[in-house]
Amino acid sequence: MFVIGDDPVEIGLVDSLSHPHGNLTGVTVLFGPLGPKRLEGLHELIPDAVTIAMLINSNNPTTSLAIKAVQEAALIHRQKLVVQTAGTEGELETAFAGIAQQHAAALVHDADPFFTTRRDQLVALAARYAIPLMYPQRD
């Protein structure tokens, strides 16, 4: 079982999702292909949003694929995507301040264990800065 946010086919870990080979049976978190759907959902909720922010873990080397997928979706909806990075708890505060400063109408974050384990902090920061936040998973 993969516990990653990127597409294991695209990053070369397996040949296909339907036949990954060996003992690999599936993906628990798949952000890349679903990132554009999340952005589409934000577009439906906030159709006049000009700027959408994306929060990524600066310590995760595979985030470029997720950024690319969401950037392409933002272009379709004629939205500007601003990417903020955070790889430590302290950097989350700075990232949210930057998102607010860029007047982002909403925020989506990458499916990354760093963010999953800091959900309470993300919720508090989103509330403090009044930024709607779309999560990659539901608890």
C-alpha atoms as a PDB file:
ATOM      1  CA  MET A   1       0.000   0.000   0.000  1.00  0.00           C
ATOM      2  CA  PHE A   2       1.347   3.427  -0.935  1.00  0.00           C
ATOM      3  CA  VAL A   3       0.984   6.236   1.561  1.00  0.00           C
ATOM      4  CA  ILE A   4       1.926   9.096  -0.730  1.00  0.00           C
ATOM      5  CA  GLY A   5       0.185  12.048  -2.319  1.00  0.00           C
ATOM      6  CA  ASP A   6       1.717  11.702  -5.755  1.00  0.00           C
ATOM      7  CA  ASP A   7       0.748   9.404  -8.572  1.00  0.00           C
ATOM      8  CA  PRO A   8       3.040   6.350  -8.221  1.00  0.00           C
ATOM      9  CA  VAL A   9       2.819   5.757 -11.990  1.00  0.00           C
ATOM     10  CA  GLU A  10       3.893   9.284 -12.863  1.00  0.00           C
ATOM     11  CA  ILE A  11       6.857   9.229 -10.493  1.00  0.00           C
ATOM     12  CA  GLY A  12       7.943   5.816 -11.772  1.00  0.00           C
ATOM     13  CA  LEU A  13       7.277   3.563  -8.777  1.00  0.00           C
ATOM     14  CA  VAL A  14       4.914   1.236 -10.676  1.00  0.00           C
ATOM     15  CA  ASP A  15       3.874   0.619 -14.288  1.00  0.00           C
ATOM     16  CA  SER A  16       0.135   1.046 -13.644  1.00  0.00           C
ATOM     17  CA  LEU A  17      -2.325   1.496 -10.802  1.00  0.00           C
ATOM     18  CA  SER A  18      -4.420  -1.424 -11.963  1.00  0.00           C
ATOM     19  CA  HIS A  19      -1.421  -3.786 -12.035  1.00  0.00           C
ATOM     20  CA  PRO A  20       1.256  -2.347  -9.733  1.00  0.00           C
ATOM     21  CA  HIS A  21       3.078  -5.718  -9.392  1.00  0.00           C
ATOM     22  CA  GLY A  22       4.634  -7.270  -6.323  1.00  0.00           C
ATOM     23  CA  ASN A  23       3.016  -6.667  -2.947  1.00  0.00           C
ATOM     24  CA  LEU A  24       1.740  -3.204  -3.792  1.00  0.00           C
ATOM     25  CA  THR A  25      -2.039  -3.053  -3.509  1.00  0.00           C
ATOM     26  CA  GLY A  26      -3.119   0.569  -3.740  1.00  0.00           C
ATOM     27  CA  VAL A  27      -2.775   4.206  -2.831  1.00  0.00           C
ATOM     28  CA  THR A  28      -4.179   5.636   0.392  1.00  0.00           C
ATOM     29  CA  VAL A  29      -3.736   9.303  -0.555  1.00  0.00           C
ATOM     30  CA  LEU A  30      -3.668  10.362  -4.187  1.00  0.00           C
ATOM     31  CA  PHE A  31      -3.504  14.142  -4.457  1.00  0.00           C
ATOM     32  CA  GLY A  32      -2.154  14.786  -7.944  1.00  0.00           C
ATOM     33  CA  PRO A  33      -5.127  13.595  -9.992  1.00  0.00           C
ATOM     34  CA  LEU A  34      -7.590  14.926  -7.403  1.00  0.00           C
ATOM     35  CA  GLY A  35      -5.993  18.337  -6.901  1.00  0.00           C
ATOM     36  CA  PRO A  36      -7.718  19.785  -9.979  1.00  0.00           C
ATOM     37  CA  LYS A  37     -11.056  18.393  -8.736  1.00  0.00           C
ATOM     38  CA  ARG A  38     -10.546  20.160  -5.417  1.00  0.00           C
ATOM     39  CA  LEU A  39      -9.810  23.387  -7.244  1.00  0.00           C
ATOM     40  CA  GLU A  40     -12.950  22.854  -9.320  1.00  0.00           C
ATOM     41  CA  GLY A  41     -14.914  22.453  -6.084  1.00  0.00           C
ATOM     42  CA  LEU A  42     -13.474  25.711  -4.775  1.00  0.00           C
ATOM     43  CA  HIS A  43     -14.416  27.383  -8.060  1.00  0.00           C
ATOM     44  CA  GLU A  44     -18.008  26.217  -7.619  1.00  0.00           C
ATOM     45  CA  LEU A  45     -18.093  27.460  -4.014  1.00  0.00           C
ATOM     46  CA  ILE A  46     -16.347  30.760  -4.732  1.00  0.00           C
ATOM     47  CA  PRO A  47     -16.901  31.421  -8.474  1.00  0.00           C
ATOM     48  CA  ASP A  48     -15.565  35.005  -8.352  1.00  0.00           C
ATOM     49  CA  ALA A  49     -12.268  34.009  -6.716  1.00  0.00           C
ATOM     50  CA  VAL A  50      -9.363  35.476  -8.616  1.00  0.00           C
ATOM     51  CA  THR A  51      -6.540  34.087  -6.498  1.00  0.00           C
ATOM     52  CA  ILE A  52      -6.323  30.628  -4.940  1.00  0.00           C
ATOM     53  CA  ALA A  53      -3.443  29.567  -2.719  1.00  0.00           C
ATOM     54  CA  MET A  54      -1.806  26.169  -2.513  1.00  0.00           C
ATOM     55  CA  LEU A  55       0.201  25.139   0.528  1.00  0.00           C
ATOM     56  CA  ILE A  56       2.972  22.607   0.002  1.00  0.00           C
ATOM     57  CA  ASN A  57       5.560  20.986   2.231  1.00  0.00           C
ATOM     58  CA  SER A  58       8.927  22.466   1.308  1.00  0.00           C
ATOM     59  CA  ASN A  59      10.625  19.271   2.531  1.00  0.00           C
ATOM     60  CA  ASN A  60       8.715  17.003   0.131  1.00  0.00           C
ATOM     61  CA  PRO A  61      10.608  16.599  -3.155  1.00  0.00           C
ATOM     62  CA  THR A  62       7.586  15.275  -5.065  1.00  0.00           C
ATOM     63  CA  THR A  63       5.292  18.296  -4.742  1.00  0.00           C
ATOM     64  CA  SER A  64       6.106  19.631  -8.212  1.00  0.00           C
ATOM     65  CA  LEU A  65       3.663  17.187  -9.831  1.00  0.00           C
ATOM     66  CA  ALA A  66       0.814  18.314  -7.577  1.00  0.00           C
ATOM     67  CA  ILE A  67       1.613  21.979  -8.231  1.00  0.00           C
ATOM     68  CA  LYS A  68       1.609  21.390 -11.977  1.00  0.00           C
ATOM     69  CA  ALA A  69      -1.779  19.648 -11.911  1.00  0.00           C
ATOM     70  CA  VAL A  70      -3.413  22.366  -9.792  1.00  0.00           C
ATOM     71  CA  GLN A  71      -1.773  25.141 -11.843  1.00  0.00           C
ATOM     72  CA  GLU A  72      -3.286  23.714 -15.035  1.00  0.00           C
ATOM     73  CA  ALA A  73      -6.725  23.629 -13.392  1.00  0.00           C
ATOM     74  CA  ALA A  74      -6.323  27.222 -12.182  1.00  0.00           C
ATOM     75  CA  LEU A  75      -5.611  28.341 -15.746  1.00  0.00           C
ATOM     76  CA  ILE A  76      -8.806  26.682 -16.954  1.00  0.00           C
ATOM     77  CA  HIS A  77     -10.817  28.655 -14.387  1.00  0.00           C
ATOM     78  CA  ARG A  78      -8.832  31.833 -15.098  1.00  0.00           C
ATOM     79  CA  GLN A  79      -7.522  31.917 -11.573  1.00  0.00           C
ATOM     80  CA  LYS A  80      -4.123  32.868 -10.280  1.00  0.00           C
ATOM     81  CA  LEU A  81      -2.469  30.160  -8.186  1.00  0.00           C
ATOM     82  CA  VAL A  82      -0.041  31.286  -5.508  1.00  0.00           C
ATOM     83  CA  VAL A  83       2.089  28.602  -3.924  1.00  0.00           C
ATOM     84  CA  GLN A  84       3.243  28.931  -0.343  1.00  0.00           C
ATOM     85  CA  THR A  85       5.640  26.521   1.299  1.00  0.00           C
ATOM     86  CA  ALA A  86       5.927  25.320   4.873  1.00  0.00           C
ATOM     87  CA  GLY A  87       8.047  22.493   6.192  1.00  0.00           C
ATOM     88  CA  THR A  88       7.948  23.278   9.914  1.00  0.00           C
ATOM     89  CA  GLU A  89       5.260  24.374  12.355  1.00  0.00           C
ATOM     90  CA  GLY A  90       6.800  27.841  12.525  1.00  0.00           C
ATOM     91  CA  GLU A  91       6.715  28.196   8.749  1.00  0.00           C
ATOM     92  CA  LEU A  92       2.956  27.556   8.719  1.00  0.00           C
ATOM     93  CA  GLU A  93       2.288  30.926  10.375  1.00  0.00           C
ATOM     94  CA  THR A  94       4.480  32.679   7.806  1.00  0.00           C
ATOM     95  CA  ALA A  95       2.785  30.827   4.949  1.00  0.00           C
ATOM     96  CA  PHE A  96      -0.701  31.848   6.108  1.00  0.00           C
ATOM     97  CA  ALA A  97       0.415  35.458   6.501  1.00  0.00           C
ATOM     98  CA  GLY A  98       1.710  35.354   2.923  1.00  0.00           C
ATOM     99  CA  ILE A  99      -1.524  33.823   1.664  1.00  0.00           C
ATOM    100  CA  ALA A 100      -3.548  36.568   3.352  1.00  0.00           C
ATOM    101  CA  GLN A 101      -1.193  39.226   2.010  1.00  0.00           C
ATOM    102  CA  GLN A 102      -1.773  37.948  -1.540  1.00  0.00           C
ATOM    103  CA  HIS A 103      -5.559  38.182  -0.979  1.00  0.00           C
ATOM    104  CA  ALA A 104      -6.180  34.529  -1.759  1.00  0.00           C
ATOM    105  CA  ALA A 105      -9.893  33.726  -1.719  1.00  0.00           C
ATOM    106  CA  ALA A 106      -9.261  30.134  -0.607  1.00  0.00           C
ATOM    107  CA  LEU A 107      -6.537  27.631   0.143  1.00  0.00           C
ATOM    108  CA  VAL A 108      -5.934  24.035  -0.822  1.00  0.00           C
ATOM    109  CA  HIS A 109      -3.059  22.085   0.658  1.00  0.00           C
ATOM    110  CA  ASP A 110      -1.083  19.189  -0.689  1.00  0.00           C
ATOM    111  CA  ALA A 111      -1.737  15.694   0.672  1.00  0.00           C
ATOM    112  CA  ASP A 112       1.300  15.390   2.883  1.00  0.00           C
ATOM    113  CA  PRO A 113       1.752  13.720   6.269  1.00  0.00           C
ATOM    114  CA  PHE A 114       3.204  16.972   7.621  1.00  0.00           C
ATOM    115  CA  PHE A 115      -0.139  18.741   7.083  1.00  0.00           C
ATOM    116  CA  THR A 116      -2.215  15.765   8.190  1.00  0.00           C
ATOM    117  CA  THR A 117      -0.503  15.751  11.574  1.00  0.00           C
ATOM    118  CA  ARG A 118      -1.013  19.507  11.972  1.00  0.00           C
ATOM    119  CA  ARG A 119      -4.680  19.713  11.097  1.00  0.00           C
ATOM    120  CA  ASP A 120      -5.590  21.567  14.320  1.00  0.00           C
ATOM    121  CA  GLN A 121      -2.958  24.200  13.588  1.00  0.00           C
ATOM    122  CA  LEU A 122      -4.167  24.548   9.982  1.00  0.00           C
ATOM    123  CA  VAL A 123      -7.776  24.956  11.126  1.00  0.00           C
ATOM    124  CA  ALA A 124      -6.783  27.605  13.665  1.00  0.00           C
ATOM    125  CA  LEU A 125      -4.690  29.533  11.148  1.00  0.00           C
ATOM    126  CA  ALA A 126      -7.406  29.356   8.479  1.00  0.00           C
ATOM    127  CA  ALA A 127      -9.926  30.696  11.013  1.00  0.00           C
ATOM    128  CA  ARG A 128      -7.598  33.455  12.215  1.00  0.00           C
ATOM    129  CA  TYR A 129      -6.882  34.634   8.665  1.00  0.00           C
ATOM    130  CA  ALA A 130     -10.486  33.966   7.462  1.00  0.00           C
ATOM    131  CA  ILE A 131      -9.285  31.832   4.558  1.00  0.00           C
ATOM    132  CA  PRO A 132     -11.520  28.947   3.431  1.00  0.00           C
ATOM    133  CA  LEU A 133      -9.433  25.775   3.413  1.00  0.00           C
ATOM    134  CA  MET A 134     -10.044  22.668   1.269  1.00  0.00           C
ATOM    135  CA  TYR A 135      -8.525  19.485   2.680  1.00  0.00           C
ATOM    136  CA  PRO A 136      -7.309  16.553   0.589  1.00  0.00           C
ATOM    137  CA  GLN A 137      -9.029  14.049   2.897  1.00  0.00           C
ATOM    138  CA  ARG A 138     -11.941  13.795   5.253  1.00  0.00           C
ATOM    139  CA  ASP A 139     -11.608  12.506   8.794  1.00  0.00           C
END
